Amino acid sequence: QVQLVESGGGLVQTGGSLRLSCAASGSIFSISAMGWYRQAPGKQRELVATINSGSSAKYADSVKGRFTISREFAKNTVYLQMNSLKPEDTAVYYCALSNRGGDYWGQGTQVTVSS
């Protein structure tokens, strides 16, 4: 089993910044990718950013230039630095991990951006 624990969500004003963290533990062998997804009320869960074992990152068009994903291999931790936040970034953010055992999800952390 894999456990993912997210932290760093909260309430911030438009233009502000937040940094999300996700620590992985358990059977985390051969991680192929870690990433962040989000789900706003009434909307489907969508990809925000992913980073693979080679540290190659991909971003949703809506966050390019504002969000940065990074990974600390030694701590099995992935981060999401979110700058220039907008009200439309308001959502529950979920950490995800993929390895040979399958896909795993964290419990989610709420990010609210006030206008």
PDB file of N, CA and C in Angstrom:
ATOM      1  N   GLN A   1       0.824  -1.196   0.000  1.00  0.00           N
ATOM      2  CA  GLN A   1       0.000   0.000   0.000  1.00  0.00           C
ATOM      3  C   GLN A   1       0.863   1.253   0.000  1.00  0.00           C
ATOM      4  N   VAL A   2       0.290   2.308  -0.540  1.00  0.00           N
ATOM      5  CA  VAL A   2       0.949   3.611  -0.602  1.00  0.00           C
ATOM      6  C   VAL A   2       0.097   4.622   0.149  1.00  0.00           C
ATOM      7  N   GLN A   3       0.738   5.420   0.955  1.00  0.00           N
ATOM      8  CA  GLN A   3       0.048   6.500   1.653  1.00  0.00           C
ATOM      9  C   GLN A   3       0.612   7.828   1.167  1.00  0.00           C
ATOM     10  N   LEU A   4      -0.293   8.744   0.873  1.00  0.00           N
ATOM     11  CA  LEU A   4       0.075  10.089   0.440  1.00  0.00           C
ATOM     12  C   LEU A   4      -0.556  11.087   1.397  1.00  0.00           C
ATOM     13  N   VAL A   5       0.269  11.952   1.961  1.00  0.00           N
ATOM     14  CA  VAL A   5      -0.223  12.945   2.916  1.00  0.00           C
ATOM     15  C   VAL A   5       0.094  14.333   2.376  1.00  0.00           C
ATOM     16  N   GLU A   6      -0.961  15.093   2.105  1.00  0.00           N
ATOM     17  CA  GLU A   6      -0.820  16.444   1.565  1.00  0.00           C
ATOM     18  C   GLU A   6      -0.877  17.467   2.688  1.00  0.00           C
ATOM     19  N   SER A   7      -0.243  18.586   2.449  1.00  0.00           N
ATOM     20  CA  SER A   7      -0.329  19.710   3.374  1.00  0.00           C
ATOM     21  C   SER A   7      -0.085  20.998   2.607  1.00  0.00           C
ATOM     22  N   GLY A   8      -0.446  22.111   3.230  1.00  0.00           N
ATOM     23  CA  GLY A   8      -0.133  23.408   2.648  1.00  0.00           C
ATOM     24  C   GLY A   8      -1.296  24.165   2.052  1.00  0.00           C
ATOM     25  N   GLY A   9      -2.465  23.570   2.018  1.00  0.00           N
ATOM     26  CA  GLY A   9      -3.606  24.297   1.495  1.00  0.00           C
ATOM     27  C   GLY A   9      -4.064  25.385   2.437  1.00  0.00           C
ATOM     28  N   GLY A  10      -4.999  26.192   1.979  1.00  0.00           N
ATOM     29  CA  GLY A  10      -5.526  27.255   2.833  1.00  0.00           C
ATOM     30  C   GLY A  10      -6.243  28.314   2.039  1.00  0.00           C
ATOM     31  N   LEU A  11      -6.457  29.441   2.689  1.00  0.00           N
ATOM     32  CA  LEU A  11      -7.147  30.588   2.100  1.00  0.00           C
ATOM     33  C   LEU A  11      -6.121  31.667   1.783  1.00  0.00           C
ATOM     34  N   VAL A  12      -6.191  32.187   0.573  1.00  0.00           N
ATOM     35  CA  VAL A  12      -5.260  33.217   0.143  1.00  0.00           C
ATOM     36  C   VAL A  12      -5.994  34.206  -0.750  1.00  0.00           C
ATOM     37  N   GLN A  13      -5.514  35.427  -0.796  1.00  0.00           N
ATOM     38  CA  GLN A  13      -6.123  36.434  -1.662  1.00  0.00           C
ATOM     39  C   GLN A  13      -5.605  36.292  -3.092  1.00  0.00           C
ATOM     40  N   THR A  14      -6.364  36.835  -4.019  1.00  0.00           N
ATOM     41  CA  THR A  14      -5.938  36.858  -5.424  1.00  0.00           C
ATOM     42  C   THR A  14      -4.547  37.471  -5.536  1.00  0.00           C
ATOM     43  N   GLY A  15      -3.700  36.783  -6.312  1.00  0.00           N
ATOM     44  CA  GLY A  15      -2.330  37.240  -6.469  1.00  0.00           C
ATOM     45  C   GLY A  15      -1.361  36.658  -5.470  1.00  0.00           C
ATOM     46  N   GLY A  16      -1.870  35.974  -4.478  1.00  0.00           N
ATOM     47  CA  GLY A  16      -1.030  35.399  -3.441  1.00  0.00           C
ATOM     48  C   GLY A  16      -0.405  34.078  -3.864  1.00  0.00           C
ATOM     49  N   SER A  17       0.317  33.485  -2.925  1.00  0.00           N
ATOM     50  CA  SER A  17       1.034  32.243  -3.184  1.00  0.00           C
ATOM     51  C   SER A  17       0.763  31.217  -2.096  1.00  0.00           C
ATOM     52  N   LEU A  18       0.849  29.956  -2.492  1.00  0.00           N
ATOM     53  CA  LEU A  18       0.790  28.838  -1.560  1.00  0.00           C
ATOM     54  C   LEU A  18       1.734  27.759  -2.058  1.00  0.00           C
ATOM     55  N   ARG A  19       2.222  26.951  -1.131  1.00  0.00           N
ATOM     56  CA  ARG A  19       3.069  25.815  -1.490  1.00  0.00           C
ATOM     57  C   ARG A  19       2.456  24.548  -0.902  1.00  0.00           C
ATOM     58  N   LEU A  20       2.105  23.630  -1.787  1.00  0.00           N
ATOM     59  CA  LEU A  20       1.564  22.350  -1.355  1.00  0.00           C
ATOM     60  C   LEU A  20       2.686  21.325  -1.276  1.00  0.00           C
ATOM     61  N   SER A  21       2.577  20.435  -0.312  1.00  0.00           N
ATOM     62  CA  SER A  21       3.538  19.344  -0.164  1.00  0.00           C
ATOM     63  C   SER A  21       2.791  18.027  -0.109  1.00  0.00           C
ATOM     64  N   CYS A  22       3.427  16.978  -0.594  1.00  0.00           N
ATOM     65  CA  CYS A  22       2.841  15.641  -0.540  1.00  0.00           C
ATOM     66  C   CYS A  22       3.958  14.653  -0.245  1.00  0.00           C
ATOM     67  N   ALA A  23       3.839  13.983   0.893  1.00  0.00           N
ATOM     68  CA  ALA A  23       4.836  12.998   1.298  1.00  0.00           C
ATOM     69  C   ALA A  23       4.282  11.598   1.074  1.00  0.00           C
ATOM     70  N   ALA A  24       5.054  10.779   0.387  1.00  0.00           N
ATOM     71  CA  ALA A  24       4.645   9.406   0.090  1.00  0.00           C
ATOM     72  C   ALA A  24       5.370   8.434   1.011  1.00  0.00           C
ATOM     73  N   SER A  25       4.656   7.397   1.425  1.00  0.00           N
ATOM     74  CA  SER A  25       5.245   6.341   2.242  1.00  0.00           C
ATOM     75  C   SER A  25       4.591   5.015   1.887  1.00  0.00           C
ATOM     76  N   GLY A  26       5.193   3.930   2.362  1.00  0.00           N
ATOM     77  CA  GLY A  26       4.658   2.604   2.082  1.00  0.00           C
ATOM     78  C   GLY A  26       5.395   1.941   0.927  1.00  0.00           C
ATOM     79  N   SER A  27       4.666   1.224   0.111  1.00  0.00           N
ATOM     80  CA  SER A  27       5.251   0.463  -1.005  1.00  0.00           C
ATOM     81  C   SER A  27       5.468   1.369  -2.213  1.00  0.00           C
ATOM     82  N   ILE A  28       6.407   2.271  -2.083  1.00  0.00           N
ATOM     83  CA  ILE A  28       6.584   3.302  -3.110  1.00  0.00           C
ATOM     84  C   ILE A  28       7.740   2.969  -4.036  1.00  0.00           C
ATOM     85  N   PHE A  29       7.924   1.710  -4.319  1.00  0.00           N
ATOM     86  CA  PHE A  29       8.998   1.296  -5.213  1.00  0.00           C
ATOM     87  C   PHE A  29       8.696   1.737  -6.641  1.00  0.00           C
ATOM     88  N   SER A  30       9.769   1.995  -7.375  1.00  0.00           N
ATOM     89  CA  SER A  30       9.671   2.275  -8.824  1.00  0.00           C
ATOM     90  C   SER A  30       8.587   3.293  -9.156  1.00  0.00           C
ATOM     91  N   ILE A  31       8.669   4.444  -8.537  1.00  0.00           N
ATOM     92  CA  ILE A  31       7.715   5.510  -8.838  1.00  0.00           C
ATOM     93  C   ILE A  31       7.957   5.977 -10.267  1.00  0.00           C
ATOM     94  N   SER A  32       6.900   5.978 -11.058  1.00  0.00           N
ATOM     95  CA  SER A  32       7.031   6.474 -12.426  1.00  0.00           C
ATOM     96  C   SER A  32       6.683   7.950 -12.518  1.00  0.00           C
ATOM     97  N   ALA A  33       5.763   8.380 -11.706  1.00  0.00           N
ATOM     98  CA  ALA A  33       5.375   9.789 -11.744  1.00  0.00           C
ATOM     99  C   ALA A  33       4.637  10.160 -10.473  1.00  0.00           C
ATOM    100  N   MET A  34       4.743  11.418 -10.111  1.00  0.00           N
ATOM    101  CA  MET A  34       3.927  12.009  -9.057  1.00  0.00           C
ATOM    102  C   MET A  34       3.333  13.286  -9.617  1.00  0.00           C
ATOM    103  N   GLY A  35       2.216  13.679  -9.046  1.00  0.00           N
ATOM    104  CA  GLY A  35       1.608  14.878  -9.586  1.00  0.00           C
ATOM    105  C   GLY A  35       0.501  15.420  -8.727  1.00  0.00           C
ATOM    106  N   TRP A  36      -0.111  16.464  -9.235  1.00  0.00           N
ATOM    107  CA  TRP A  36      -1.208  17.149  -8.564  1.00  0.00           C
ATOM    108  C   TRP A  36      -2.384  17.269  -9.517  1.00  0.00           C
ATOM    109  N   TYR A  37      -3.548  17.014  -8.987  1.00  0.00           N
ATOM    110  CA  TYR A  37      -4.810  17.196  -9.682  1.00  0.00           C
ATOM    111  C   TYR A  37      -5.692  18.072  -8.806  1.00  0.00           C
ATOM    112  N   ARG A  38      -6.733  18.622  -9.393  1.00  0.00           N
ATOM    113  CA  ARG A  38      -7.656  19.427  -8.602  1.00  0.00           C
ATOM    114  C   ARG A  38      -9.075  19.207  -9.076  1.00  0.00           C
ATOM    115  N   GLN A  39      -9.996  19.448  -8.146  1.00  0.00           N
ATOM    116  CA  GLN A  39     -11.412  19.325  -8.452  1.00  0.00           C
ATOM    117  C   GLN A  39     -12.166  20.458  -7.795  1.00  0.00           C
ATOM    118  N   ALA A  40     -12.771  21.276  -8.629  1.00  0.00           N
ATOM    119  CA  ALA A  40     -13.593  22.370  -8.147  1.00  0.00           C
ATOM    120  C   ALA A  40     -15.039  21.891  -8.012  1.00  0.00           C
ATOM    121  N   PRO A  41     -15.846  22.546  -7.201  1.00  0.00           N
ATOM    122  CA  PRO A  41     -17.243  22.131  -7.027  1.00  0.00           C
ATOM    123  C   PRO A  41     -17.984  22.060  -8.353  1.00  0.00           C
ATOM    124  N   GLY A  42     -18.643  20.943  -8.606  1.00  0.00           N
ATOM    125  CA  GLY A  42     -19.428  20.779  -9.812  1.00  0.00           C
ATOM    126  C   GLY A  42     -18.625  20.494 -11.067  1.00  0.00           C
ATOM    127  N   LYS A  43     -17.312  20.313 -10.899  1.00  0.00           N
ATOM    128  CA  LYS A  43     -16.455  20.058 -12.062  1.00  0.00           C
ATOM    129  C   LYS A  43     -15.718  18.735 -11.909  1.00  0.00           C
ATOM    130  N   GLN A  44     -15.219  18.235 -13.012  1.00  0.00           N
ATOM    131  CA  GLN A  44     -14.446  17.000 -12.984  1.00  0.00           C
ATOM    132  C   GLN A  44     -13.029  17.266 -12.477  1.00  0.00           C
ATOM    133  N   ARG A  45     -12.430  16.221 -11.939  1.00  0.00           N
ATOM    134  CA  ARG A  45     -11.047  16.339 -11.508  1.00  0.00           C
ATOM    135  C   ARG A  45     -10.168  16.551 -12.750  1.00  0.00           C
ATOM    136  N   GLU A  46      -9.211  17.472 -12.622  1.00  0.00           N
ATOM    137  CA  GLU A  46      -8.347  17.769 -13.753  1.00  0.00           C
ATOM    138  C   GLU A  46      -6.886  17.767 -13.340  1.00  0.00           C
ATOM    139  N   LEU A  47      -6.028  17.466 -14.307  1.00  0.00           N
ATOM    140  CA  LEU A  47      -4.597  17.479 -14.056  1.00  0.00           C
ATOM    141  C   LEU A  47      -4.109  18.910 -13.887  1.00  0.00           C
ATOM    142  N   VAL A  48      -3.230  19.102 -12.902  1.00  0.00           N
ATOM    143  CA  VAL A  48      -2.586  20.401 -12.711  1.00  0.00           C
ATOM    144  C   VAL A  48      -1.139  20.323 -13.190  1.00  0.00           C
ATOM    145  N   ALA A  49      -0.397  19.357 -12.655  1.00  0.00           N
ATOM    146  CA  ALA A  49       1.010  19.205 -13.019  1.00  0.00           C
ATOM    147  C   ALA A  49       1.478  17.822 -12.623  1.00  0.00           C
ATOM    148  N   THR A  50       2.399  17.285 -13.418  1.00  0.00           N
ATOM    149  CA  THR A  50       3.015  16.008 -13.086  1.00  0.00           C
ATOM    150  C   THR A  50       4.517  16.102 -13.291  1.00  0.00           C
ATOM    151  N   ILE A  51       5.235  15.219 -12.601  1.00  0.00           N
ATOM    152  CA  ILE A  51       6.683  15.146 -12.757  1.00  0.00           C
ATOM    153  C   ILE A  51       7.075  13.678 -12.734  1.00  0.00           C
ATOM    154  N   ASN A  52       7.878  13.265 -13.722  1.00  0.00           N
ATOM    155  CA  ASN A  52       8.197  11.844 -13.816  1.00  0.00           C
ATOM    156  C   ASN A  52       9.538  11.527 -13.154  1.00  0.00           C
ATOM    157  N   SER A  53       9.955  10.284 -13.294  1.00  0.00           N
ATOM    158  CA  SER A  53      11.178   9.837 -12.619  1.00  0.00           C
ATOM    159  C   SER A  53      12.418  10.540 -13.148  1.00  0.00           C
ATOM    160  N   GLY A  54      12.304  11.097 -14.358  1.00  0.00           N
ATOM    161  CA  GLY A  54      13.417  11.843 -14.923  1.00  0.00           C
ATOM    162  C   GLY A  54      13.326  13.334 -14.655  1.00  0.00           C
ATOM    163  N   SER A  55      12.394  13.705 -13.782  1.00  0.00           N
ATOM    164  CA  SER A  55      12.146  15.108 -13.407  1.00  0.00           C
ATOM    165  C   SER A  55      11.619  15.952 -14.551  1.00  0.00           C
ATOM    166  N   SER A  56      11.012  15.316 -15.528  1.00  0.00           N
ATOM    167  CA  SER A  56      10.359  16.056 -16.596  1.00  0.00           C
ATOM    168  C   SER A  56       8.952  16.416 -16.136  1.00  0.00           C
ATOM    169  N   ALA A  57       8.608  17.695 -16.253  1.00  0.00           N
ATOM    170  CA  ALA A  57       7.335  18.186 -15.745  1.00  0.00           C
ATOM    171  C   ALA A  57       6.381  18.554 -16.869  1.00  0.00           C
ATOM    172  N   LYS A  58       5.096  18.375 -16.588  1.00  0.00           N
ATOM    173  CA  LYS A  58       4.037  18.803 -17.494  1.00  0.00           C
ATOM    174  C   LYS A  58       3.026  19.604 -16.700  1.00  0.00           C
ATOM    175  N   TYR A  59       2.433  20.588 -17.353  1.00  0.00           N
ATOM    176  CA  TYR A  59       1.494  21.477 -16.691  1.00  0.00           C
ATOM    177  C   TYR A  59       0.226  21.646 -17.509  1.00  0.00           C
ATOM    178  N   ALA A  60      -0.871  21.872 -16.823  1.00  0.00           N
ATOM    179  CA  ALA A  60      -2.082  22.311 -17.502  1.00  0.00           C
ATOM    180  C   ALA A  60      -1.844  23.707 -18.049  1.00  0.00           C
ATOM    181  N   ASP A  61      -2.443  24.009 -19.188  1.00  0.00           N
ATOM    182  CA  ASP A  61      -2.251  25.324 -19.794  1.00  0.00           C
ATOM    183  C   ASP A  61      -2.661  26.439 -18.838  1.00  0.00           C
ATOM    184  N   SER A  62      -3.667  26.188 -18.030  1.00  0.00           N
ATOM    185  CA  SER A  62      -4.206  27.218 -17.151  1.00  0.00           C
ATOM    186  C   SER A  62      -3.250  27.625 -16.027  1.00  0.00           C
ATOM    187  N   VAL A  63      -2.234  26.803 -15.760  1.00  0.00           N
ATOM    188  CA  VAL A  63      -1.321  27.119 -14.660  1.00  0.00           C
ATOM    189  C   VAL A  63       0.105  27.368 -15.128  1.00  0.00           C
ATOM    190  N   LYS A  64       0.375  27.203 -16.405  1.00  0.00           N
ATOM    191  CA  LYS A  64       1.737  27.403 -16.915  1.00  0.00           C
ATOM    192  C   LYS A  64       2.215  28.814 -16.614  1.00  0.00           C
ATOM    193  N   GLY A  65       3.439  28.900 -16.133  1.00  0.00           N
ATOM    194  CA  GLY A  65       4.012  30.195 -15.798  1.00  0.00           C
ATOM    195  C   GLY A  65       3.671  30.682 -14.407  1.00  0.00           C
ATOM    196  N   ARG A  66       2.727  30.011 -13.751  1.00  0.00           N
ATOM    197  CA  ARG A  66       2.332  30.423 -12.398  1.00  0.00           C
ATOM    198  C   ARG A  66       2.659  29.336 -11.359  1.00  0.00           C
ATOM    199  N   PHE A  67       2.526  28.079 -11.753  1.00  0.00           N
ATOM    200  CA  PHE A  67       2.762  26.964 -10.833  1.00  0.00           C
ATOM    201  C   PHE A  67       4.050  26.249 -11.209  1.00  0.00           C
ATOM    202  N   THR A  68       4.727  25.721 -10.206  1.00  0.00           N
ATOM    203  CA  THR A  68       5.937  24.936 -10.435  1.00  0.00           C
ATOM    204  C   THR A  68       5.884  23.676  -9.587  1.00  0.00           C
ATOM    205  N   ILE A  69       6.046  22.537 -10.244  1.00  0.00           N
ATOM    206  CA  ILE A  69       6.091  21.267  -9.536  1.00  0.00           C
ATOM    207  C   ILE A  69       7.552  20.860  -9.367  1.00  0.00           C
ATOM    208  N   SER A  70       7.858  20.291  -8.218  1.00  0.00           N
ATOM    209  CA  SER A  70       9.213  19.810  -7.968  1.00  0.00           C
ATOM    210  C   SER A  70       9.144  18.567  -7.099  1.00  0.00           C
ATOM    211  N   ARG A  71      10.237  17.846  -7.071  1.00  0.00           N
ATOM    212  CA  ARG A  71      10.236  16.567  -6.353  1.00  0.00           C
ATOM    213  C   ARG A  71      11.550  16.399  -5.608  1.00  0.00           C
ATOM    214  N   GLU A  72      11.438  15.961  -4.378  1.00  0.00           N
ATOM    215  CA  GLU A  72      12.615  15.662  -3.567  1.00  0.00           C
ATOM    216  C   GLU A  72      12.685  14.148  -3.418  1.00  0.00           C
ATOM    217  N   PHE A  73      13.532  13.523  -4.229  1.00  0.00           N
ATOM    218  CA  PHE A  73      13.545  12.068  -4.313  1.00  0.00           C
ATOM    219  C   PHE A  73      13.870  11.428  -2.967  1.00  0.00           C
ATOM    220  N   ALA A  74      14.837  11.993  -2.242  1.00  0.00           N
ATOM    221  CA  ALA A  74      15.292  11.381  -0.991  1.00  0.00           C
ATOM    222  C   ALA A  74      14.175  11.318   0.044  1.00  0.00           C
ATOM    223  N   LYS A  75      13.224  12.251  -0.042  1.00  0.00           N
ATOM    224  CA  LYS A  75      12.133  12.297   0.930  1.00  0.00           C
ATOM    225  C   LYS A  75      10.830  11.790   0.336  1.00  0.00           C
ATOM    226  N   ASN A  76      10.877  11.314  -0.909  1.00  0.00           N
ATOM    227  CA  ASN A  76       9.643  10.854  -1.592  1.00  0.00           C
ATOM    228  C   ASN A  76       8.535  11.896  -1.466  1.00  0.00           C
ATOM    229  N   THR A  77       8.909  13.111  -1.702  1.00  0.00           N
ATOM    230  CA  THR A  77       7.982  14.235  -1.531  1.00  0.00           C
ATOM    231  C   THR A  77       7.896  15.030  -2.823  1.00  0.00           C
ATOM    232  N   VAL A  78       6.698  15.469  -3.141  1.00  0.00           N
ATOM    233  CA  VAL A  78       6.479  16.333  -4.290  1.00  0.00           C
ATOM    234  C   VAL A  78       5.853  17.626  -3.795  1.00  0.00           C
ATOM    235  N   TYR A  79       6.228  18.717  -4.440  1.00  0.00           N
ATOM    236  CA  TYR A  79       5.749  20.039  -4.055  1.00  0.00           C
ATOM    237  C   TYR A  79       5.048  20.697  -5.236  1.00  0.00           C
ATOM    238  N   LEU A  80       4.156  21.615  -4.916  1.00  0.00           N
ATOM    239  CA  LEU A  80       3.536  22.451  -5.932  1.00  0.00           C
ATOM    240  C   LEU A  80       3.581  23.891  -5.431  1.00  0.00           C
ATOM    241  N   GLN A  81       4.441  24.676  -6.022  1.00  0.00           N
ATOM    242  CA  GLN A  81       4.520  26.103  -5.703  1.00  0.00           C
ATOM    243  C   GLN A  81       3.516  26.834  -6.589  1.00  0.00           C
ATOM    244  N   MET A  82       2.579  27.513  -5.967  1.00  0.00           N
ATOM    245  CA  MET A  82       1.517  28.190  -6.705  1.00  0.00           C
ATOM    246  C   MET A  82       1.630  29.689  -6.470  1.00  0.00           C
ATOM    247  N   ASN A  83       1.899  30.422  -7.525  1.00  0.00           N
ATOM    248  CA  ASN A  83       2.019  31.872  -7.464  1.00  0.00           C
ATOM    249  C   ASN A  83       0.927  32.525  -8.294  1.00  0.00           C
ATOM    250  N   SER A  84       0.732  33.798  -8.066  1.00  0.00           N
ATOM    251  CA  SER A  84      -0.271  34.571  -8.828  1.00  0.00           C
ATOM    252  C   SER A  84      -1.609  33.841  -8.850  1.00  0.00           C
ATOM    253  N   LEU A  85      -2.046  33.422  -7.703  1.00  0.00           N
ATOM    254  CA  LEU A  85      -3.277  32.640  -7.624  1.00  0.00           C
ATOM    255  C   LEU A  85      -4.495  33.457  -8.009  1.00  0.00           C
ATOM    256  N   LYS A  86      -5.436  32.765  -8.640  1.00  0.00           N
ATOM    257  CA  LYS A  86      -6.670  33.378  -9.116  1.00  0.00           C
ATOM    258  C   LYS A  86      -7.863  32.677  -8.452  1.00  0.00           C
ATOM    259  N   PRO A  87      -9.001  33.340  -8.395  1.00  0.00           N
ATOM    260  CA  PRO A  87     -10.183  32.684  -7.821  1.00  0.00           C
ATOM    261  C   PRO A  87     -10.517  31.361  -8.518  1.00  0.00           C
ATOM    262  N   GLU A  88     -10.260  31.273  -9.801  1.00  0.00           N
ATOM    263  CA  GLU A  88     -10.557  30.040 -10.523  1.00  0.00           C
ATOM    264  C   GLU A  88      -9.616  28.892 -10.167  1.00  0.00           C
ATOM    265  N   ASP A  89      -8.594  29.155  -9.363  1.00  0.00           N
ATOM    266  CA  ASP A  89      -7.735  28.088  -8.863  1.00  0.00           C
ATOM    267  C   ASP A  89      -8.336  27.421  -7.621  1.00  0.00           C
ATOM    268  N   THR A  90      -9.418  27.972  -7.126  1.00  0.00           N
ATOM    269  CA  THR A  90     -10.064  27.400  -5.952  1.00  0.00           C
ATOM    270  C   THR A  90     -10.542  25.982  -6.242  1.00  0.00           C
ATOM    271  N   ALA A  91     -10.114  25.040  -5.418  1.00  0.00           N
ATOM    272  CA  ALA A  91     -10.445  23.631  -5.626  1.00  0.00           C
ATOM    273  C   ALA A  91      -9.845  22.807  -4.495  1.00  0.00           C
ATOM    274  N   VAL A  92     -10.224  21.542  -4.471  1.00  0.00           N
ATOM    275  CA  VAL A  92      -9.511  20.577  -3.640  1.00  0.00           C
ATOM    276  C   VAL A  92      -8.382  20.017  -4.496  1.00  0.00           C
ATOM    277  N   TYR A  93      -7.176  20.084  -3.968  1.00  0.00           N
ATOM    278  CA  TYR A  93      -6.002  19.617  -4.693  1.00  0.00           C
ATOM    279  C   TYR A  93      -5.593  18.241  -4.159  1.00  0.00           C
ATOM    280  N   TYR A  94      -5.408  17.316  -5.091  1.00  0.00           N
ATOM    281  CA  TYR A  94      -5.076  15.942  -4.747  1.00  0.00           C
ATOM    282  C   TYR A  94      -3.686  15.584  -5.253  1.00  0.00           C
ATOM    283  N   CYS A  95      -2.934  14.934  -4.414  1.00  0.00           N
ATOM    284  CA  CYS A  95      -1.648  14.390  -4.800  1.00  0.00           C
ATOM    285  C   CYS A  95      -1.876  13.003  -5.393  1.00  0.00           C
ATOM    286  N   ALA A  96      -1.082  12.654  -6.392  1.00  0.00           N
ATOM    287  CA  ALA A  96      -1.197  11.351  -7.031  1.00  0.00           C
ATOM    288  C   ALA A  96       0.193  10.753  -7.246  1.00  0.00           C
ATOM    289  N   LEU A  97       0.242   9.434  -7.192  1.00  0.00           N
ATOM    290  CA  LEU A  97       1.485   8.706  -7.419  1.00  0.00           C
ATOM    291  C   LEU A  97       1.198   7.497  -8.279  1.00  0.00           C
ATOM    292  N   SER A  98       2.061   7.250  -9.246  1.00  0.00           N
ATOM    293  CA  SER A  98       1.931   6.070 -10.101  1.00  0.00           C
ATOM    294  C   SER A  98       3.203   5.248  -9.992  1.00  0.00           C
ATOM    295  N   ASN A  99       3.031   3.935  -9.795  1.00  0.00           N
ATOM    296  CA  ASN A  99       4.167   3.026  -9.844  1.00  0.00           C
ATOM    297  C   ASN A  99       3.685   1.690 -10.389  1.00  0.00           C
ATOM    298  N   ARG A 100       4.506   0.666 -10.288  1.00  0.00           N
ATOM    299  CA  ARG A 100       4.128  -0.622 -10.872  1.00  0.00           C
ATOM    300  C   ARG A 100       2.904  -1.216 -10.185  1.00  0.00           C
ATOM    301  N   GLY A 101       2.651  -0.751  -8.966  1.00  0.00           N
ATOM    302  CA  GLY A 101       1.497  -1.282  -8.240  1.00  0.00           C
ATOM    303  C   GLY A 101       0.185  -0.636  -8.601  1.00  0.00           C
ATOM    304  N   GLY A 102       0.246   0.496  -9.278  1.00  0.00           N
ATOM    305  CA  GLY A 102      -0.988   1.165  -9.670  1.00  0.00           C
ATOM    306  C   GLY A 102      -0.937   2.661  -9.437  1.00  0.00           C
ATOM    307  N   ASP A 103      -2.098   3.263  -9.339  1.00  0.00           N
ATOM    308  CA  ASP A 103      -2.239   4.697  -9.115  1.00  0.00           C
ATOM    309  C   ASP A 103      -2.817   4.926  -7.721  1.00  0.00           C
ATOM    310  N   TYR A 104      -2.275   5.899  -7.029  1.00  0.00           N
ATOM    311  CA  TYR A 104      -2.687   6.181  -5.652  1.00  0.00           C
ATOM    312  C   TYR A 104      -2.994   7.655  -5.498  1.00  0.00           C
ATOM    313  N   TRP A 105      -3.902   7.945  -4.563  1.00  0.00           N
ATOM    314  CA  TRP A 105      -4.353   9.318  -4.357  1.00  0.00           C
ATOM    315  C   TRP A 105      -4.277   9.691  -2.880  1.00  0.00           C
ATOM    316  N   GLY A 106      -3.994  10.979  -2.654  1.00  0.00           N
ATOM    317  CA  GLY A 106      -4.072  11.511  -1.309  1.00  0.00           C
ATOM    318  C   GLY A 106      -5.503  11.884  -0.973  1.00  0.00           C
ATOM    319  N   GLN A 107      -5.708  12.378   0.227  1.00  0.00           N
ATOM    320  CA  GLN A 107      -7.049  12.700   0.690  1.00  0.00           C
ATOM    321  C   GLN A 107      -7.517  14.083   0.219  1.00  0.00           C
ATOM    322  N   GLY A 108      -6.600  14.879  -0.274  1.00  0.00           N
ATOM    323  CA  GLY A 108      -6.950  16.195  -0.793  1.00  0.00           C
ATOM    324  C   GLY A 108      -6.738  17.298   0.218  1.00  0.00           C
ATOM    325  N   THR A 109      -6.408  18.474  -0.291  1.00  0.00           N
ATOM    326  CA  THR A 109      -6.259  19.652   0.548  1.00  0.00           C
ATOM    327  C   THR A 109      -6.962  20.831  -0.145  1.00  0.00           C
ATOM    328  N   GLN A 110      -7.709  21.584   0.625  1.00  0.00           N
ATOM    329  CA  GLN A 110      -8.508  22.668   0.050  1.00  0.00           C
ATOM    330  C   GLN A 110      -7.651  23.910  -0.178  1.00  0.00           C
ATOM    331  N   VAL A 111      -7.778  24.466  -1.361  1.00  0.00           N
ATOM    332  CA  VAL A 111      -7.172  25.757  -1.691  1.00  0.00           C
ATOM    333  C   VAL A 111      -8.309  26.702  -2.083  1.00  0.00           C
ATOM    334  N   THR A 112      -8.390  27.813  -1.382  1.00  0.00           N
ATOM    335  CA  THR A 112      -9.422  28.802  -1.657  1.00  0.00           C
ATOM    336  C   THR A 112      -8.765  30.141  -1.926  1.00  0.00           C
ATOM    337  N   VAL A 113      -9.084  30.726  -3.077  1.00  0.00           N
ATOM    338  CA  VAL A 113      -8.527  32.020  -3.460  1.00  0.00           C
ATOM    339  C   VAL A 113      -9.664  33.031  -3.468  1.00  0.00           C
ATOM    340  N   SER A 114      -9.554  34.022  -2.612  1.00  0.00           N
ATOM    341  CA  SER A 114     -10.607  35.030  -2.505  1.00  0.00           C
ATOM    342  C   SER A 114     -10.324  36.184  -3.459  1.00  0.00           C
ATOM    343  N   SER A 115     -11.402  36.767  -3.968  1.00  0.00           N
ATOM    344  CA  SER A 115     -11.255  37.885  -4.918  1.00  0.00           C
ATOM    345  C   SER A 115     -11.258  39.208  -4.207  1.00  0.00           C
TER     346      SER A 115
END
